[in-house]
Amino acid sequence: MRSARQLRIAVLVLMLATACAQTSGTVIGTVINVDGDLTAVQSFTLLVEGDEMVFVPTDDGVYAYPLPHLRDHLRDGTPVRVGWERRGDQLVATTVEDG
C-alpha cells in the first residue's frame, strides 16, 4: 500500500514539473561556444547562472547584429541577452543583443 502511495506522489510531482517547464523567456549570459562559420551560426551556448543553454537561431529572429559577431563575445566575455522560446526540444533564439 505504501509503495502505491509513493508512486502516485512521484507521478504527481513529475506532472507538476512538466506543467511548470518554461516555454519562453529572456536570459543574460556569457557565450561559451559558437557552432558555425564566419558567415552563419547553427547554434550557440550561453553560461547562465552556472547552467549551459544551447540556442538555435531562426530566420524570423530579431538580432542586434549578425550572429557571427557572437565570436567576439566568446573572445572577450561580454554578456549577451537572448530572448528565446521552446520549439519541440530546441531553445530558439528569437532576439539577441548585448547584455
C-alpha atoms as a PDB file:
ATOM      1  CA  MET A   1       0.000   0.000   0.000  1.00  0.00           C
ATOM      2  CA  ARG A   2       2.788   2.400   0.855  1.00  0.00           C
ATOM      3  CA  SER A   3       4.591   1.900  -2.478  1.00  0.00           C
ATOM      4  CA  ALA A   4       1.391   2.689  -4.412  1.00  0.00           C
ATOM      5  CA  ARG A   5       1.090   5.963  -2.495  1.00  0.00           C
ATOM      6  CA  GLN A   6       4.737   6.797  -3.204  1.00  0.00           C
ATOM      7  CA  LEU A   7       4.185   6.042  -6.887  1.00  0.00           C
ATOM      8  CA  ARG A   8       1.147   8.370  -7.021  1.00  0.00           C
ATOM      9  CA  ILE A   9       3.174  11.133  -5.344  1.00  0.00           C
ATOM     10  CA  ALA A  10       6.070  10.634  -7.762  1.00  0.00           C
ATOM     11  CA  VAL A  11       3.710  10.797 -10.757  1.00  0.00           C
ATOM     12  CA  LEU A  12       2.095  13.960  -9.392  1.00  0.00           C
ATOM     13  CA  VAL A  13       5.490  15.631  -8.876  1.00  0.00           C
ATOM     14  CA  LEU A  14       6.535  14.687 -12.418  1.00  0.00           C
ATOM     15  CA  MET A  15       3.297  16.076 -13.852  1.00  0.00           C
ATOM     16  CA  LEU A  16       3.738  19.352 -11.974  1.00  0.00           C
ATOM     17  CA  ALA A  17       7.355  19.689 -13.090  1.00  0.00           C
ATOM     18  CA  THR A  18       6.362  19.132 -16.715  1.00  0.00           C
ATOM     19  CA  ALA A  19       3.475  21.597 -16.497  1.00  0.00           C
ATOM     20  CA  CYS A  20       5.732  24.259 -14.976  1.00  0.00           C
ATOM     21  CA  ALA A  21       8.520  23.965 -17.574  1.00  0.00           C
ATOM     22  CA  GLN A  22       9.177  27.352 -19.136  1.00  0.00           C
ATOM     23  CA  THR A  23       8.254  27.709 -22.795  1.00  0.00           C
ATOM     24  CA  SER A  24       9.862  31.129 -23.319  1.00  0.00           C
ATOM     25  CA  GLY A  25      11.933  33.732 -21.569  1.00  0.00           C
ATOM     26  CA  THR A  26      14.899  36.080 -21.607  1.00  0.00           C
ATOM     27  CA  VAL A  27      18.338  35.318 -20.197  1.00  0.00           C
ATOM     28  CA  ILE A  28      21.654  37.117 -19.885  1.00  0.00           C
ATOM     29  CA  GLY A  29      24.764  35.004 -20.088  1.00  0.00           C
ATOM     30  CA  THR A  30      28.309  34.525 -21.299  1.00  0.00           C
ATOM     31  CA  VAL A  31      28.932  32.936 -24.695  1.00  0.00           C
ATOM     32  CA  ILE A  32      30.943  29.736 -24.217  1.00  0.00           C
ATOM     33  CA  ASN A  33      30.535  28.162 -27.670  1.00  0.00           C
ATOM     34  CA  VAL A  34      29.562  29.173 -31.200  1.00  0.00           C
ATOM     35  CA  ASP A  35      28.860  26.444 -33.752  1.00  0.00           C
ATOM     36  CA  GLY A  36      29.153  27.695 -37.321  1.00  0.00           C
ATOM     37  CA  ASP A  37      31.482  29.548 -39.635  1.00  0.00           C
ATOM     38  CA  LEU A  38      32.275  33.180 -40.399  1.00  0.00           C
ATOM     39  CA  THR A  39      29.010  33.731 -42.262  1.00  0.00           C
ATOM     40  CA  ALA A  40      26.434  31.651 -40.375  1.00  0.00           C
ATOM     41  CA  VAL A  41      25.760  30.289 -36.896  1.00  0.00           C
ATOM     42  CA  GLN A  42      23.971  26.959 -36.432  1.00  0.00           C
ATOM     43  CA  SER A  43      23.873  27.184 -32.626  1.00  0.00           C
ATOM     44  CA  PHE A  44      25.495  28.913 -29.687  1.00  0.00           C
ATOM     45  CA  THR A  45      25.826  28.148 -26.000  1.00  0.00           C
ATOM     46  CA  LEU A  46      25.493  30.541 -23.081  1.00  0.00           C
ATOM     47  CA  LEU A  47      26.529  30.005 -19.495  1.00  0.00           C
ATOM     48  CA  VAL A  48      23.615  31.334 -17.443  1.00  0.00           C
ATOM     49  CA  GLU A  49      23.868  31.183 -13.646  1.00  0.00           C
ATOM     50  CA  GLY A  50      26.036  28.069 -13.857  1.00  0.00           C
ATOM     51  CA  ASP A  51      23.853  26.263 -16.416  1.00  0.00           C
ATOM     52  CA  GLU A  52      24.654  25.785 -20.095  1.00  0.00           C
ATOM     53  CA  MET A  53      21.863  26.716 -22.504  1.00  0.00           C
ATOM     54  CA  VAL A  54      22.152  25.862 -26.210  1.00  0.00           C
ATOM     55  CA  PHE A  55      20.212  28.076 -28.624  1.00  0.00           C
ATOM     56  CA  VAL A  56      19.496  27.773 -32.332  1.00  0.00           C
ATOM     57  CA  PRO A  57      18.767  30.846 -34.471  1.00  0.00           C
ATOM     58  CA  THR A  58      15.621  31.311 -36.508  1.00  0.00           C
ATOM     59  CA  ASP A  59      15.016  33.069 -39.811  1.00  0.00           C
ATOM     60  CA  ASP A  60      12.434  35.355 -38.187  1.00  0.00           C
ATOM     61  CA  GLY A  61      14.681  36.318 -35.256  1.00  0.00           C
ATOM     62  CA  VAL A  62      15.365  39.939 -34.339  1.00  0.00           C
ATOM     63  CA  TYR A  63      19.123  40.190 -33.827  1.00  0.00           C
ATOM     64  CA  ALA A  64      21.009  43.392 -32.995  1.00  0.00           C
ATOM     65  CA  TYR A  65      23.935  42.204 -35.146  1.00  0.00           C
ATOM     66  CA  PRO A  66      24.894  39.345 -37.459  1.00  0.00           C
ATOM     67  CA  LEU A  67      25.193  36.246 -35.272  1.00  0.00           C
ATOM     68  CA  PRO A  68      28.838  35.518 -36.214  1.00  0.00           C
ATOM     69  CA  HIS A  69      29.532  38.587 -34.014  1.00  0.00           C
ATOM     70  CA  LEU A  70      28.906  36.218 -31.081  1.00  0.00           C
ATOM     71  CA  ARG A  71      32.507  35.053 -31.604  1.00  0.00           C
ATOM     72  CA  ASP A  72      33.628  38.487 -30.365  1.00  0.00           C
ATOM     73  CA  HIS A  73      31.603  37.902 -27.193  1.00  0.00           C
ATOM     74  CA  LEU A  74      33.166  34.449 -26.918  1.00  0.00           C
ATOM     75  CA  ARG A  75      36.623  36.029 -27.036  1.00  0.00           C
ATOM     76  CA  ASP A  76      36.075  38.963 -24.704  1.00  0.00           C
ATOM     77  CA  GLY A  77      33.488  37.502 -22.319  1.00  0.00           C
ATOM     78  CA  THR A  78      30.968  40.333 -22.571  1.00  0.00           C
ATOM     79  CA  PRO A  79      27.448  39.078 -21.844  1.00  0.00           C
ATOM     80  CA  VAL A  80      24.557  38.854 -24.288  1.00  0.00           C
ATOM     81  CA  ARG A  81      20.818  38.963 -23.725  1.00  0.00           C
ATOM     82  CA  VAL A  82      18.784  36.285 -25.520  1.00  0.00           C
ATOM     83  CA  GLY A  83      15.041  36.112 -25.854  1.00  0.00           C
ATOM     84  CA  TRP A  84      14.005  32.531 -26.524  1.00  0.00           C
ATOM     85  CA  GLU A  85      11.113  30.142 -26.930  1.00  0.00           C
ATOM     86  CA  ARG A  86      10.954  26.384 -26.769  1.00  0.00           C
ATOM     87  CA  ARG A  87      10.013  24.739 -30.065  1.00  0.00           C
ATOM     88  CA  GLY A  88       9.919  20.994 -29.659  1.00  0.00           C
ATOM     89  CA  ASP A  89      13.173  20.006 -27.980  1.00  0.00           C
ATOM     90  CA  GLN A  90      15.092  23.134 -29.040  1.00  0.00           C
ATOM     91  CA  LEU A  91      15.563  26.555 -27.494  1.00  0.00           C
ATOM     92  CA  VAL A  92      15.125  29.001 -30.363  1.00  0.00           C
ATOM     93  CA  ALA A  93      16.792  32.405 -30.039  1.00  0.00           C
ATOM     94  CA  THR A  94      14.162  34.954 -31.059  1.00  0.00           C
ATOM     95  CA  THR A  95      16.209  38.017 -30.035  1.00  0.00           C
ATOM     96  CA  VAL A  96      19.903  38.593 -29.398  1.00  0.00           C
ATOM     97  CA  GLU A  97      21.538  41.796 -28.177  1.00  0.00           C
ATOM     98  CA  ASP A  98      24.373  42.963 -25.972  1.00  0.00           C
ATOM     99  CA  GLY A  99      23.686  42.226 -22.334  1.00  0.00           C
END
